[in-house]
Amino acid sequence: MIRFIPVDDLLSIRNIVLREGKLTLEQCRFPTDQLPGAFHLGYYANNHLVCIASFHPQTYSDFAGVGYQLRGMATTEKYRGMGIGNQLLNFAIVYLRGQKANYLWCNARKKASQFYLNMGFEIISAEFEVQDVGPHYVMYVKIQ
């Protein structure tokens, strides 16, 4: 089941999956988490939160229209490869279409780029390094 969730509910998964448990929960907060228009989604399996993603209004470069950035998408190890991330991201895209967003973009980890390509995103940057995290690409999908 997919739900809109408060940011506090997703911090532990951000830490475990995206930061290998090396940070405090407070260090896992993004400055964009509380922006007007920001929202957070969680996928629950057996009443346990197993997949998360955060979204906030943010244009990219000179792209026209209303843009949103996806940040902090993560699925716990036990639930990877089951299509849960696909369901969560599809839910978000349908919701963003209703919010009149034109596109969604993200800084995708290189190792996750195939997931996003399979979801219809395209790579729009050269590979770049995020300190203490690894190689990334900027990826984009048109919503409407």
Protein backbone atom coordinates (compact mmCIF):
# COMPACT_ATOMS: atom_id res chain seq x y z
CA MET A 1 0.00 0.00 0.00
CA ILE A 2 1.32 3.44 -0.96
CA ARG A 3 0.76 6.37 1.39
CA PHE A 4 1.76 9.98 1.76
CA ILE A 5 3.97 9.99 4.86
CA PRO A 6 5.70 12.52 7.12
CA VAL A 7 9.42 12.90 6.59
CA ASP A 8 10.19 11.57 10.07
CA ASP A 9 8.83 8.15 9.02
CA LEU A 10 11.37 7.70 6.23
CA LEU A 11 14.60 8.86 7.87
CA SER A 12 15.69 5.43 9.10
CA ILE A 13 15.38 3.90 5.61
CA ARG A 14 17.29 6.84 4.11
CA ASN A 15 20.05 6.19 6.60
CA ILE A 16 20.19 2.41 6.24
CA VAL A 17 19.83 2.15 2.46
CA LEU A 18 21.35 5.39 1.17
CA ARG A 19 24.01 6.11 3.81
CA GLU A 20 24.84 2.58 5.01
CA GLY A 21 23.69 3.47 8.55
CA LYS A 22 26.58 5.89 9.03
CA LEU A 23 24.56 9.02 9.85
CA THR A 24 22.21 10.16 12.57
CA LEU A 25 18.55 10.46 11.59
CA GLU A 26 18.86 14.26 11.76
CA GLN A 27 21.73 14.13 9.25
CA CYS A 28 19.40 12.28 6.85
CA ARG A 29 17.06 15.24 6.52
CA PHE A 30 17.23 17.15 3.24
CA PRO A 31 16.88 20.95 3.25
CA THR A 32 14.11 20.47 0.67
CA ASP A 33 11.99 18.13 2.84
CA GLN A 34 9.78 20.93 4.17
CA LEU A 35 9.49 23.12 1.06
CA PRO A 36 5.98 24.17 0.06
CA GLY A 37 4.70 21.52 -2.35
CA ALA A 38 7.11 18.85 -1.11
CA PHE A 39 5.69 15.42 -0.38
CA HIS A 40 6.97 12.02 0.70
CA LEU A 41 5.69 8.60 -0.30
CA GLY A 42 6.05 5.26 1.38
CA TYR A 43 5.18 1.73 0.31
CA TYR A 44 4.03 -0.54 3.11
CA ALA A 45 4.25 -4.33 2.95
CA ASN A 46 2.72 -6.19 5.89
CA ASN A 47 2.41 -2.88 7.75
CA HIS A 48 6.16 -2.23 7.42
CA LEU A 49 7.58 0.71 5.48
CA VAL A 50 9.81 -0.84 2.80
CA CYS A 51 10.18 1.78 0.03
CA ILE A 52 10.39 5.57 0.17
CA ALA A 53 10.81 8.61 -2.04
CA SER A 54 10.65 12.38 -1.60
CA PHE A 55 9.58 14.98 -4.15
CA HIS A 56 9.71 18.77 -4.18
CA PRO A 57 9.09 21.52 -6.74
CA GLN A 58 12.40 22.34 -8.44
CA THR A 59 13.16 23.36 -11.99
CA TYR A 60 16.15 21.94 -13.78
CA SER A 61 18.42 24.02 -15.99
CA ASP A 62 16.43 25.79 -18.71
CA PHE A 63 13.68 23.17 -18.92
CA ALA A 64 10.28 24.79 -19.45
CA GLY A 65 7.28 24.30 -17.20
CA VAL A 66 6.80 23.01 -13.68
CA GLY A 67 9.54 20.66 -12.55
CA TYR A 68 9.83 18.41 -9.53
CA GLN A 69 12.93 16.77 -8.17
CA LEU A 70 12.91 13.21 -6.84
CA ARG A 71 15.27 12.62 -3.92
CA GLY A 72 16.07 9.82 -1.55
CA MET A 73 14.33 6.94 -3.28
CA ALA A 74 15.20 3.72 -1.49
CA THR A 75 13.87 0.19 -1.03
CA THR A 76 14.93 -2.05 1.82
CA GLU A 77 17.08 -4.97 0.70
CA LYS A 78 14.52 -7.71 1.36
CA TYR A 79 11.97 -6.05 -0.96
CA ARG A 80 14.19 -5.11 -3.93
CA GLY A 81 13.39 -6.57 -7.32
CA MET A 82 9.68 -7.01 -6.59
CA GLY A 83 8.40 -4.03 -8.57
CA ILE A 84 7.66 -1.97 -5.46
CA GLY A 85 9.84 0.95 -6.56
CA ASN A 86 8.09 0.92 -9.94
CA GLN A 87 4.70 1.11 -8.27
CA LEU A 88 5.77 3.95 -5.98
CA LEU A 89 7.29 5.98 -8.81
CA ASN A 90 4.28 5.41 -11.09
CA PHE A 91 1.99 6.59 -8.27
CA ALA A 92 4.12 9.74 -7.90
CA ILE A 93 4.04 10.47 -11.64
CA VAL A 94 0.24 10.15 -11.76
CA TYR A 95 -0.03 12.42 -8.72
CA LEU A 96 2.38 14.96 -10.25
CA ARG A 97 0.39 14.95 -13.49
CA GLY A 98 -2.61 15.99 -11.39
CA GLN A 99 -0.48 18.75 -9.85
CA LYS A 100 0.23 20.04 -13.40
CA ALA A 101 3.94 19.15 -13.23
CA ASN A 102 5.61 18.97 -16.62
CA TYR A 103 8.64 16.87 -15.71
CA LEU A 104 10.42 15.00 -12.95
CA TRP A 105 14.18 14.82 -12.58
CA CYS A 106 16.69 13.34 -10.18
CA ASN A 107 20.36 12.87 -9.45
CA ALA A 108 20.40 9.10 -9.89
CA ARG A 109 23.14 6.86 -8.58
CA LYS A 110 24.89 5.18 -11.48
CA LYS A 111 24.01 1.76 -10.06
CA ALA A 112 20.29 2.73 -10.08
CA SER A 113 20.29 4.26 -13.56
CA GLN A 114 18.88 1.14 -15.24
CA PHE A 115 15.86 1.26 -12.91
CA TYR A 116 15.13 4.83 -14.00
CA LEU A 117 15.77 4.05 -17.67
CA ASN A 118 13.22 1.22 -17.39
CA MET A 119 10.76 3.76 -15.93
CA GLY A 120 11.09 6.01 -18.99
CA PHE A 121 13.72 8.43 -17.67
CA GLU A 122 16.62 9.50 -19.83
CA ILE A 123 20.16 10.47 -18.85
CA ILE A 124 20.71 14.19 -19.45
CA SER A 125 24.16 14.76 -17.94
CA ALA A 126 27.64 13.40 -17.95
CA GLU A 127 28.53 11.15 -15.03
CA PHE A 128 29.46 13.11 -11.90
CA GLU A 129 30.61 12.22 -8.41
CA VAL A 130 28.70 12.96 -5.21
CA GLN A 131 31.14 13.06 -2.32
CA ASP A 132 30.86 10.06 0.02
CA VAL A 133 28.08 8.57 -2.16
CA GLY A 134 29.51 7.76 -5.59
CA PRO A 135 28.88 8.27 -9.33
CA HIS A 136 25.59 9.81 -10.49
CA TYR A 137 23.72 11.04 -13.57
CA VAL A 138 21.01 13.64 -13.85
CA MET A 139 17.95 11.85 -15.23
CA TYR A 140 14.64 13.23 -16.48
CA VAL A 141 11.18 12.06 -17.46
CA LYS A 142 8.50 14.14 -19.17
CA ILE A 143 5.15 13.98 -17.35
CA GLN A 144 3.02 16.11 -19.68
